Amino acid sequence: MVTVLDRRRYGYDVAIYPKDHDPAHVHVYRGGNEVLININDWSVIENYGFRSREVRRILNLLKEHELLLRDTWDRYPGSLKS
């Protein structure tokens, strides 16, 4: 797991797993909750515990760091491109 954005600075841990499955996505964690967000179209793949309002807040954070997220996904061998 590669932590791209960390909780201390951004309020959430945002991670990418090398050799993870398509589509390109991030895992966002906080307080025992997790949401998987597709970074190509910003759709929610899976949500475990976050309320919709907080998911919108997460999406805004991720969009601010779109280039970093895409570059990180592409950097790891085995990550599937989408």
N, C-alpha and C. Protein backbone atom coordinates (compact mmCIF):
# COMPACT_ATOMS: atom_id res chain seq x y z
N MET A 1 0.85 -1.18 0.00
CA MET A 1 0.00 0.00 0.00
C MET A 1 0.89 1.24 0.00
N VAL A 2 0.53 2.19 -0.84
CA VAL A 2 1.24 3.46 -0.91
C VAL A 2 0.26 4.54 -0.45
N THR A 3 0.59 5.22 0.64
CA THR A 3 -0.25 6.31 1.11
C THR A 3 0.09 7.56 0.32
N VAL A 4 -0.88 8.04 -0.44
CA VAL A 4 -0.66 9.19 -1.31
C VAL A 4 -0.96 10.48 -0.55
N LEU A 5 -2.04 10.51 0.19
CA LEU A 5 -2.39 11.64 1.05
C LEU A 5 -2.60 11.07 2.45
N ASP A 6 -2.10 11.76 3.47
CA ASP A 6 -2.23 11.18 4.81
C ASP A 6 -3.20 11.96 5.70
N ARG A 7 -3.68 11.24 6.67
CA ARG A 7 -4.72 11.73 7.57
C ARG A 7 -4.30 12.98 8.34
N ARG A 8 -3.05 13.05 8.73
CA ARG A 8 -2.60 14.20 9.54
C ARG A 8 -2.75 15.52 8.78
N ARG A 9 -2.52 15.47 7.50
CA ARG A 9 -2.59 16.72 6.71
C ARG A 9 -3.95 16.91 6.04
N TYR A 10 -4.57 15.83 5.60
CA TYR A 10 -5.78 15.95 4.78
C TYR A 10 -7.05 15.42 5.45
N GLY A 11 -6.92 14.79 6.61
CA GLY A 11 -8.10 14.29 7.31
C GLY A 11 -8.50 12.88 6.91
N TYR A 12 -7.90 12.36 5.86
CA TYR A 12 -8.18 11.01 5.36
C TYR A 12 -6.86 10.38 4.93
N ASP A 13 -6.78 9.08 5.02
CA ASP A 13 -5.69 8.35 4.40
C ASP A 13 -6.16 7.93 3.02
N VAL A 14 -5.41 8.31 2.01
CA VAL A 14 -5.72 7.97 0.63
C VAL A 14 -4.60 7.08 0.13
N ALA A 15 -4.96 5.86 -0.28
CA ALA A 15 -3.94 4.87 -0.63
C ALA A 15 -4.21 4.24 -1.98
N ILE A 16 -3.11 3.81 -2.59
CA ILE A 16 -3.15 3.02 -3.83
C ILE A 16 -2.37 1.75 -3.55
N TYR A 17 -2.92 0.64 -3.96
CA TYR A 17 -2.26 -0.65 -3.79
C TYR A 17 -1.59 -1.05 -5.10
N PRO A 18 -0.26 -1.24 -5.07
CA PRO A 18 0.41 -1.74 -6.28
C PRO A 18 -0.20 -3.07 -6.70
N LYS A 19 -0.27 -3.27 -7.99
CA LYS A 19 -0.84 -4.48 -8.60
C LYS A 19 -2.33 -4.64 -8.31
N ASP A 20 -3.02 -3.52 -8.07
CA ASP A 20 -4.46 -3.57 -7.80
C ASP A 20 -5.22 -3.72 -9.12
N HIS A 21 -6.49 -4.01 -9.02
CA HIS A 21 -7.35 -4.29 -10.18
C HIS A 21 -7.82 -3.02 -10.86
N ASP A 22 -8.26 -3.18 -12.10
CA ASP A 22 -8.92 -2.12 -12.84
C ASP A 22 -10.28 -1.84 -12.22
N PRO A 23 -10.82 -0.67 -12.37
CA PRO A 23 -10.26 0.54 -12.97
C PRO A 23 -9.30 1.23 -12.00
N ALA A 24 -8.57 2.22 -12.50
CA ALA A 24 -7.67 3.00 -11.65
C ALA A 24 -8.49 3.62 -10.52
N HIS A 25 -8.07 3.38 -9.29
CA HIS A 25 -8.86 3.85 -8.16
C HIS A 25 -7.99 4.05 -6.92
N VAL A 26 -8.57 4.73 -5.93
CA VAL A 26 -7.93 4.91 -4.64
C VAL A 26 -8.83 4.37 -3.55
N HIS A 27 -8.20 4.02 -2.44
CA HIS A 27 -8.90 3.62 -1.23
C HIS A 27 -8.77 4.77 -0.25
N VAL A 28 -9.89 5.21 0.31
CA VAL A 28 -9.88 6.31 1.27
C VAL A 28 -10.39 5.77 2.60
N TYR A 29 -9.61 6.04 3.66
CA TYR A 29 -9.90 5.51 5.00
C TYR A 29 -10.03 6.63 6.01
N ARG A 30 -10.94 6.40 6.96
CA ARG A 30 -11.05 7.28 8.13
C ARG A 30 -12.03 6.66 9.11
N GLY A 31 -11.61 6.58 10.35
CA GLY A 31 -12.51 6.13 11.42
C GLY A 31 -13.14 4.78 11.19
N GLY A 32 -12.42 3.85 10.60
CA GLY A 32 -12.97 2.53 10.34
C GLY A 32 -13.81 2.44 9.08
N ASN A 33 -14.01 3.55 8.38
CA ASN A 33 -14.76 3.57 7.13
C ASN A 33 -13.80 3.51 5.95
N GLU A 34 -14.31 3.04 4.82
CA GLU A 34 -13.51 2.96 3.60
C GLU A 34 -14.40 3.21 2.40
N VAL A 35 -13.87 3.95 1.43
CA VAL A 35 -14.56 4.13 0.16
C VAL A 35 -13.53 3.97 -0.95
N LEU A 36 -13.91 3.28 -2.02
CA LEU A 36 -13.07 3.13 -3.20
C LEU A 36 -13.63 4.05 -4.28
N ILE A 37 -12.76 4.91 -4.81
CA ILE A 37 -13.17 5.90 -5.80
C ILE A 37 -12.40 5.68 -7.09
N ASN A 38 -13.13 5.57 -8.19
CA ASN A 38 -12.55 5.48 -9.53
C ASN A 38 -11.99 6.86 -9.88
N ILE A 39 -10.68 6.93 -10.21
CA ILE A 39 -10.08 8.23 -10.49
C ILE A 39 -10.20 8.63 -11.96
N ASN A 40 -10.85 7.80 -12.75
CA ASN A 40 -11.11 8.17 -14.14
C ASN A 40 -12.41 8.96 -14.29
N ASP A 41 -13.44 8.55 -13.56
CA ASP A 41 -14.73 9.23 -13.69
C ASP A 41 -15.31 9.69 -12.35
N TRP A 42 -14.54 9.51 -11.27
CA TRP A 42 -14.91 9.95 -9.92
C TRP A 42 -16.15 9.25 -9.39
N SER A 43 -16.40 8.06 -9.85
CA SER A 43 -17.54 7.29 -9.33
C SER A 43 -17.11 6.50 -8.10
N VAL A 44 -18.09 6.19 -7.28
CA VAL A 44 -17.86 5.36 -6.09
C VAL A 44 -17.96 3.90 -6.52
N ILE A 45 -16.89 3.15 -6.28
CA ILE A 45 -16.89 1.72 -6.60
C ILE A 45 -17.52 0.94 -5.46
N GLU A 46 -17.07 1.23 -4.24
CA GLU A 46 -17.62 0.60 -3.03
C GLU A 46 -17.53 1.61 -1.90
N ASN A 47 -18.51 1.55 -0.99
CA ASN A 47 -18.51 2.45 0.16
C ASN A 47 -18.87 1.65 1.40
N TYR A 48 -18.00 1.72 2.38
CA TYR A 48 -18.21 1.03 3.64
C TYR A 48 -18.24 2.04 4.77
N GLY A 49 -19.39 2.67 4.95
CA GLY A 49 -19.62 3.49 6.14
C GLY A 49 -19.63 4.99 5.99
N PHE A 50 -19.13 5.53 4.89
CA PHE A 50 -19.15 6.99 4.74
C PHE A 50 -20.54 7.46 4.31
N ARG A 51 -20.99 8.57 4.89
CA ARG A 51 -22.25 9.18 4.47
C ARG A 51 -22.03 9.94 3.16
N SER A 52 -23.10 10.14 2.41
CA SER A 52 -22.99 10.76 1.09
C SER A 52 -22.36 12.15 1.15
N ARG A 53 -22.67 12.92 2.17
CA ARG A 53 -22.08 14.26 2.30
C ARG A 53 -20.56 14.18 2.45
N GLU A 54 -20.10 13.21 3.22
CA GLU A 54 -18.67 13.07 3.40
C GLU A 54 -18.00 12.54 2.14
N VAL A 55 -18.69 11.68 1.39
CA VAL A 55 -18.16 11.21 0.11
C VAL A 55 -17.96 12.38 -0.84
N ARG A 56 -18.88 13.32 -0.86
CA ARG A 56 -18.73 14.51 -1.70
C ARG A 56 -17.50 15.32 -1.28
N ARG A 57 -17.28 15.43 0.01
CA ARG A 57 -16.10 16.13 0.53
C ARG A 57 -14.82 15.40 0.09
N ILE A 58 -14.84 14.09 0.17
CA ILE A 58 -13.69 13.27 -0.26
C ILE A 58 -13.44 13.47 -1.76
N LEU A 59 -14.50 13.44 -2.55
CA LEU A 59 -14.35 13.64 -4.00
C LEU A 59 -13.70 14.98 -4.31
N ASN A 60 -14.11 16.02 -3.62
CA ASN A 60 -13.51 17.34 -3.83
C ASN A 60 -12.02 17.32 -3.50
N LEU A 61 -11.65 16.67 -2.42
CA LEU A 61 -10.24 16.54 -2.05
C LEU A 61 -9.46 15.80 -3.12
N LEU A 62 -10.00 14.69 -3.59
CA LEU A 62 -9.32 13.88 -4.59
C LEU A 62 -9.14 14.64 -5.90
N LYS A 63 -10.16 15.36 -6.30
CA LYS A 63 -10.08 16.13 -7.55
C LYS A 63 -8.99 17.20 -7.48
N GLU A 64 -8.77 17.76 -6.30
CA GLU A 64 -7.70 18.74 -6.12
C GLU A 64 -6.32 18.12 -6.35
N HIS A 65 -6.22 16.81 -6.15
CA HIS A 65 -4.94 16.11 -6.26
C HIS A 65 -4.95 15.08 -7.39
N GLU A 66 -5.76 15.35 -8.40
CA GLU A 66 -5.95 14.41 -9.51
C GLU A 66 -4.64 13.99 -10.17
N LEU A 67 -3.78 14.93 -10.50
CA LEU A 67 -2.53 14.58 -11.19
C LEU A 67 -1.65 13.69 -10.33
N LEU A 68 -1.54 14.00 -9.06
CA LEU A 68 -0.75 13.16 -8.14
C LEU A 68 -1.31 11.74 -8.08
N LEU A 69 -2.62 11.63 -7.99
CA LEU A 69 -3.24 10.31 -7.91
C LEU A 69 -3.00 9.50 -9.18
N ARG A 70 -3.19 10.12 -10.33
CA ARG A 70 -2.97 9.43 -11.61
C ARG A 70 -1.50 9.04 -11.78
N ASP A 71 -0.60 9.96 -11.46
CA ASP A 71 0.83 9.67 -11.58
C ASP A 71 1.23 8.52 -10.66
N THR A 72 0.69 8.52 -9.45
CA THR A 72 1.02 7.45 -8.51
C THR A 72 0.50 6.12 -9.01
N TRP A 73 -0.73 6.09 -9.51
CA TRP A 73 -1.29 4.84 -10.06
C TRP A 73 -0.41 4.31 -11.19
N ASP A 74 0.01 5.20 -12.08
CA ASP A 74 0.80 4.80 -13.25
C ASP A 74 2.24 4.41 -12.90
N ARG A 75 2.74 4.86 -11.77
CA ARG A 75 4.13 4.63 -11.40
C ARG A 75 4.43 3.19 -10.99
N TYR A 76 3.46 2.48 -10.48
CA TYR A 76 3.73 1.16 -9.91
C TYR A 76 3.54 0.05 -10.93
N PRO A 77 4.59 -0.73 -11.15
CA PRO A 77 4.49 -1.86 -12.09
C PRO A 77 3.38 -2.81 -11.64
N GLY A 78 2.65 -3.26 -12.62
CA GLY A 78 1.57 -4.19 -12.31
C GLY A 78 0.23 -3.52 -12.16
N SER A 79 0.23 -2.20 -11.88
CA SER A 79 -1.05 -1.51 -11.83
C SER A 79 -1.66 -1.54 -13.22
N LEU A 80 -2.91 -1.88 -13.27
CA LEU A 80 -3.57 -1.95 -14.57
C LEU A 80 -3.97 -0.55 -15.00
N LYS A 81 -3.71 -0.22 -16.22
CA LYS A 81 -4.06 1.11 -16.74
C LYS A 81 -5.50 1.09 -17.21
N SER A 82 -6.20 2.17 -16.93
CA SER A 82 -7.59 2.30 -17.39
C SER A 82 -7.86 3.71 -17.80
